Protein backbone atom coordinates (compact mmCIF):
# COMPACT_ATOMS: atom_id res chain seq x y z
CA LYS A 1 39.62 5.57 -80.62
CA LEU A 2 39.71 1.98 -79.59
CA SER A 3 42.03 -0.36 -81.52
CA LEU A 4 41.97 -3.57 -82.80
CA LYS A 5 43.34 -5.18 -79.68
CA GLY A 6 40.82 -3.24 -77.60
CA PHE A 7 37.79 -4.36 -79.90
CA GLU A 8 39.14 -7.93 -79.64
CA LEU A 9 39.82 -7.84 -75.66
CA ILE A 10 36.14 -6.74 -75.06
CA LYS A 11 34.89 -9.06 -77.49
CA ARG A 12 36.63 -12.02 -76.19
CA PHE A 13 35.78 -11.28 -72.40
CA GLU A 14 32.01 -10.14 -73.12
CA GLY A 15 31.42 -13.56 -75.63
CA LEU A 16 28.77 -12.90 -77.96
CA SER A 17 24.80 -14.16 -77.15
CA LEU A 18 22.57 -13.43 -80.08
CA LYS A 19 19.63 -13.94 -77.42
CA PRO A 20 18.80 -12.13 -74.15
CA TYR A 21 20.30 -13.39 -71.22
CA LYS A 22 21.19 -12.01 -67.45
CA CYS A 23 24.69 -11.51 -66.90
CA PRO A 24 26.23 -12.38 -63.50
CA ALA A 25 24.80 -9.10 -61.89
CA GLY A 26 21.41 -10.23 -63.06
CA ILE A 27 20.91 -7.52 -65.85
CA PRO A 28 19.20 -8.68 -69.19
CA THR A 29 22.18 -8.44 -71.92
CA ILE A 30 22.63 -9.01 -75.78
CA GLY A 31 25.43 -9.00 -78.13
CA TYR A 32 28.53 -8.24 -76.94
CA GLY A 33 27.83 -7.35 -73.15
CA ASN A 34 25.12 -4.77 -74.30
CA THR A 35 22.40 -3.61 -71.63
CA TYR A 36 20.70 -1.32 -73.83
CA TYR A 37 20.13 -0.32 -77.64
CA PRO A 38 21.13 2.41 -79.52
CA ASN A 39 18.09 4.31 -79.00
CA GLY A 40 18.52 4.04 -75.15
CA LYS A 41 16.20 1.27 -74.67
CA LYS A 42 17.42 -1.20 -71.97
CA VAL A 43 17.73 -5.14 -73.17
CA GLN A 44 14.67 -7.16 -71.85
CA MET A 45 14.56 -11.03 -71.66
CA THR A 46 11.54 -11.07 -73.90
CA ASP A 47 13.34 -9.18 -76.84
CA PRO A 48 13.58 -11.10 -79.80
CA GLY A 49 17.16 -12.50 -80.84
CA ILE A 50 19.67 -10.52 -83.28
CA SER A 51 21.97 -11.41 -86.20
CA GLN A 52 25.85 -11.73 -85.78
CA ALA A 53 25.76 -8.46 -88.03
CA MET A 54 23.60 -6.94 -85.63
CA ALA A 55 25.49 -7.90 -82.90
CA ASP A 56 28.60 -5.93 -84.62
CA LYS A 57 26.75 -3.16 -85.57
CA LEU A 58 25.27 -2.71 -81.67
CA PHE A 59 28.64 -3.23 -80.31
CA GLU A 60 30.26 -0.49 -82.44
CA SER A 61 27.33 1.75 -82.35
CA LEU A 62 27.64 2.05 -78.30
CA LEU A 63 31.38 2.39 -78.27
CA PRO A 64 31.93 5.76 -78.75
CA PRO A 65 30.49 6.80 -75.84
CA TYR A 66 32.80 4.81 -73.66
CA GLU A 67 35.75 6.13 -75.61
CA LYS A 68 34.83 9.80 -75.29
CA SER A 69 34.37 9.56 -71.60
CA VAL A 70 37.76 7.85 -71.01
CA ASP A 71 39.04 10.46 -73.32
CA SER A 72 37.66 13.05 -71.24
CA PHE A 73 38.68 12.13 -67.74
CA CYS A 74 41.98 10.68 -68.39
CA ARG A 75 45.23 13.21 -69.07
CA ASP A 76 46.21 13.33 -73.06
CA ASP A 77 49.36 11.57 -72.64
CA ILE A 78 48.34 7.84 -71.84
CA ASN A 79 49.44 5.35 -75.00
CA GLN A 80 47.02 3.49 -77.16
CA ASN A 81 47.40 0.25 -75.18
CA GLN A 82 46.34 2.16 -71.95
CA PHE A 83 43.57 3.79 -73.37
CA ASP A 84 42.26 0.47 -74.85
CA ALA A 85 42.42 -1.29 -71.36
CA LEU A 86 40.62 1.77 -69.75
CA VAL A 87 37.80 1.59 -72.43
CA SER A 88 37.55 -2.13 -71.64
CA LEU A 89 37.36 -1.83 -68.10
CA ALA A 90 34.65 1.29 -68.52
CA TYR A 91 32.48 -0.98 -70.78
CA ASN A 92 32.47 -3.75 -68.51
CA ILE A 93 31.75 -1.47 -64.88
CA GLY A 94 30.24 1.52 -66.49
CA VAL A 95 32.12 5.08 -66.84
CA SER A 96 31.16 6.64 -63.71
CA ASN A 97 32.51 3.72 -61.45
CA LEU A 98 35.85 4.10 -63.95
CA GLN A 99 35.59 7.89 -63.18
CA LYS A 100 35.53 7.71 -59.70
CA SER A 101 37.79 5.33 -59.00
CA THR A 102 41.10 5.18 -57.34
CA LEU A 103 42.61 3.55 -60.57
CA ILE A 104 41.70 6.99 -62.36
CA LYS A 105 43.12 8.97 -59.89
CA LYS A 106 46.69 7.03 -60.20
CA VAL A 107 46.44 6.97 -63.88
CA ASN A 108 46.12 10.80 -63.96
CA LEU A 109 48.97 11.38 -61.51
CA ASN A 110 51.42 9.06 -63.39
CA PRO A 111 50.09 6.63 -65.89
CA ASN A 112 53.33 4.37 -65.32
CA ASP A 113 52.52 3.79 -61.83
CA PRO A 114 53.21 -0.18 -61.20
CA THR A 115 50.44 -0.06 -58.25
CA ILE A 116 47.72 0.55 -61.46
CA LYS A 117 47.86 -3.10 -61.97
CA ALA A 118 46.63 -3.90 -58.50
CA GLU A 119 43.98 -1.46 -59.11
CA PHE A 120 42.74 -3.14 -62.19
CA LEU A 121 42.25 -6.19 -60.36
CA ARG A 122 40.20 -4.87 -57.52
CA TRP A 123 37.21 -4.65 -60.10
CA ASN A 124 36.73 -8.58 -60.13
CA LYS A 125 33.54 -8.94 -58.29
CA SER A 126 29.87 -8.93 -58.67
CA ASP A 127 27.65 -8.44 -55.82
CA GLY A 128 30.74 -8.99 -53.59
CA LYS A 129 31.65 -12.16 -55.10
CA VAL A 130 34.84 -12.82 -56.99
CA LEU A 131 33.95 -14.06 -60.24
CA PRO A 132 36.84 -15.96 -61.93
CA GLY A 133 36.07 -14.72 -65.30
CA LEU A 134 36.39 -11.05 -64.13
CA THR A 135 39.85 -12.06 -62.78
CA LYS A 136 40.86 -13.32 -65.80
CA ARG A 137 39.62 -10.07 -67.76
CA ARG A 138 41.06 -7.56 -65.35
CA GLN A 139 44.45 -9.67 -65.58
CA ALA A 140 44.21 -9.40 -69.25
CA GLU A 141 43.41 -5.50 -69.06
CA ALA A 142 46.05 -4.81 -66.95
CA ASP A 143 48.44 -6.64 -69.22
CA LEU A 144 47.38 -4.70 -72.27
CA TYR A 145 47.81 -1.44 -70.25
CA PHE A 146 51.22 -2.04 -69.50
CA SER A 147 52.34 -3.72 -72.65
């Protein structure tokens, strides 16, 4: 399970929008970076706005698959901060991207490998462009991972 540190990290970098908007990748998004609803329906730009309470509920209802996925393909001896950083990354780049990444391969070989930090920092682009916000997020995730 994600700790409070993990929740706060994701919420801080995702930001909150009570109305649909397009993320830098052009995907309709609402709440704390949610691109779909608990029923599996994708967010549409024509969807009505949501309340703060609904945004929190939506965020919390959509986290378990990310937690379960990271738990399923990571070794069992990672610590809470490492788990939180990996769930944050998965939440942002997608579970399948994280699962096939060099970062996860390195985590599963040696979770304390210092070169893992550079692997976080590689995930700072959208459509091939470096985004300063993603660079800051990857730095924060790497810092949490190694704290």
